[in-house]
Protein backbone atom coordinates (compact mmCIF):
# COMPACT_ATOMS: atom_id res chain seq x y z
CA ILE A 1 9.87 -60.97 -9.08
CA GLU A 2 9.90 -58.37 -6.32
CA PHE A 3 12.50 -58.10 -3.55
CA TRP A 4 13.01 -56.12 -0.35
CA GLN A 5 16.54 -54.85 0.28
CA GLY A 6 16.25 -55.37 4.05
CA ARG A 7 16.78 -51.80 5.23
CA TYR A 8 15.42 -50.62 8.57
CA SER A 9 13.20 -48.05 6.83
CA ARG A 10 10.93 -49.79 4.33
CA LEU A 11 10.12 -46.54 2.48
CA HIS A 12 12.40 -46.98 -0.52
CA ASP A 13 13.67 -50.53 -0.68
CA ARG A 14 11.29 -52.32 -3.04
CA ILE A 15 12.82 -53.49 -6.32
CA ARG A 16 11.05 -55.40 -9.08
CA TYR A 17 13.00 -57.47 -11.60
CA ILE A 18 11.31 -58.16 -14.95
CA ASN A 19 12.75 -60.72 -17.35
CA ASN A 20 12.83 -59.32 -20.90
CA GLU A 21 13.71 -62.50 -22.78
CA ASN A 22 11.95 -65.52 -21.33
CA SER A 23 8.32 -66.46 -21.29
CA PRO A 24 6.72 -67.55 -18.01
CA GLY A 25 7.87 -71.02 -17.07
CA GLU A 26 11.16 -70.83 -18.97
CA GLU A 27 14.46 -71.01 -17.14
CA ALA A 28 15.96 -67.56 -16.54
CA LYS A 29 19.20 -66.71 -18.31
CA GLN A 30 21.54 -63.93 -17.20
CA PRO A 31 23.55 -62.36 -18.81
CA ASN A 32 23.17 -63.17 -22.51
CA LYS A 33 26.00 -63.82 -25.00
CA GLN A 34 26.64 -60.11 -25.53
CA GLY A 35 27.02 -59.58 -21.77
CA VAL A 36 23.76 -57.62 -21.58
CA SER A 37 21.43 -58.42 -18.71
CA LEU A 38 18.05 -59.86 -19.65
CA TRP A 39 16.48 -58.36 -16.54
CA ASN A 40 15.05 -54.86 -16.05
CA ARG A 41 15.43 -53.51 -12.52
CA ILE A 42 12.67 -51.13 -11.42
CA ARG A 43 12.73 -49.34 -8.07
CA LEU A 44 9.17 -49.17 -6.72
CA ASN A 45 7.51 -46.41 -4.72
CA PRO A 46 6.70 -47.10 -1.06
């Protein structure tokens, strides 16, 4: 999943979220029982 943060300058506002736990088609879970997020957040280049 990739999102835009909605800033006026679009140079540095792209973020990609990658689910570490679930296979495609499975319902996303967040956070897990230990309180650790199952999603990696990656800031993308313009």
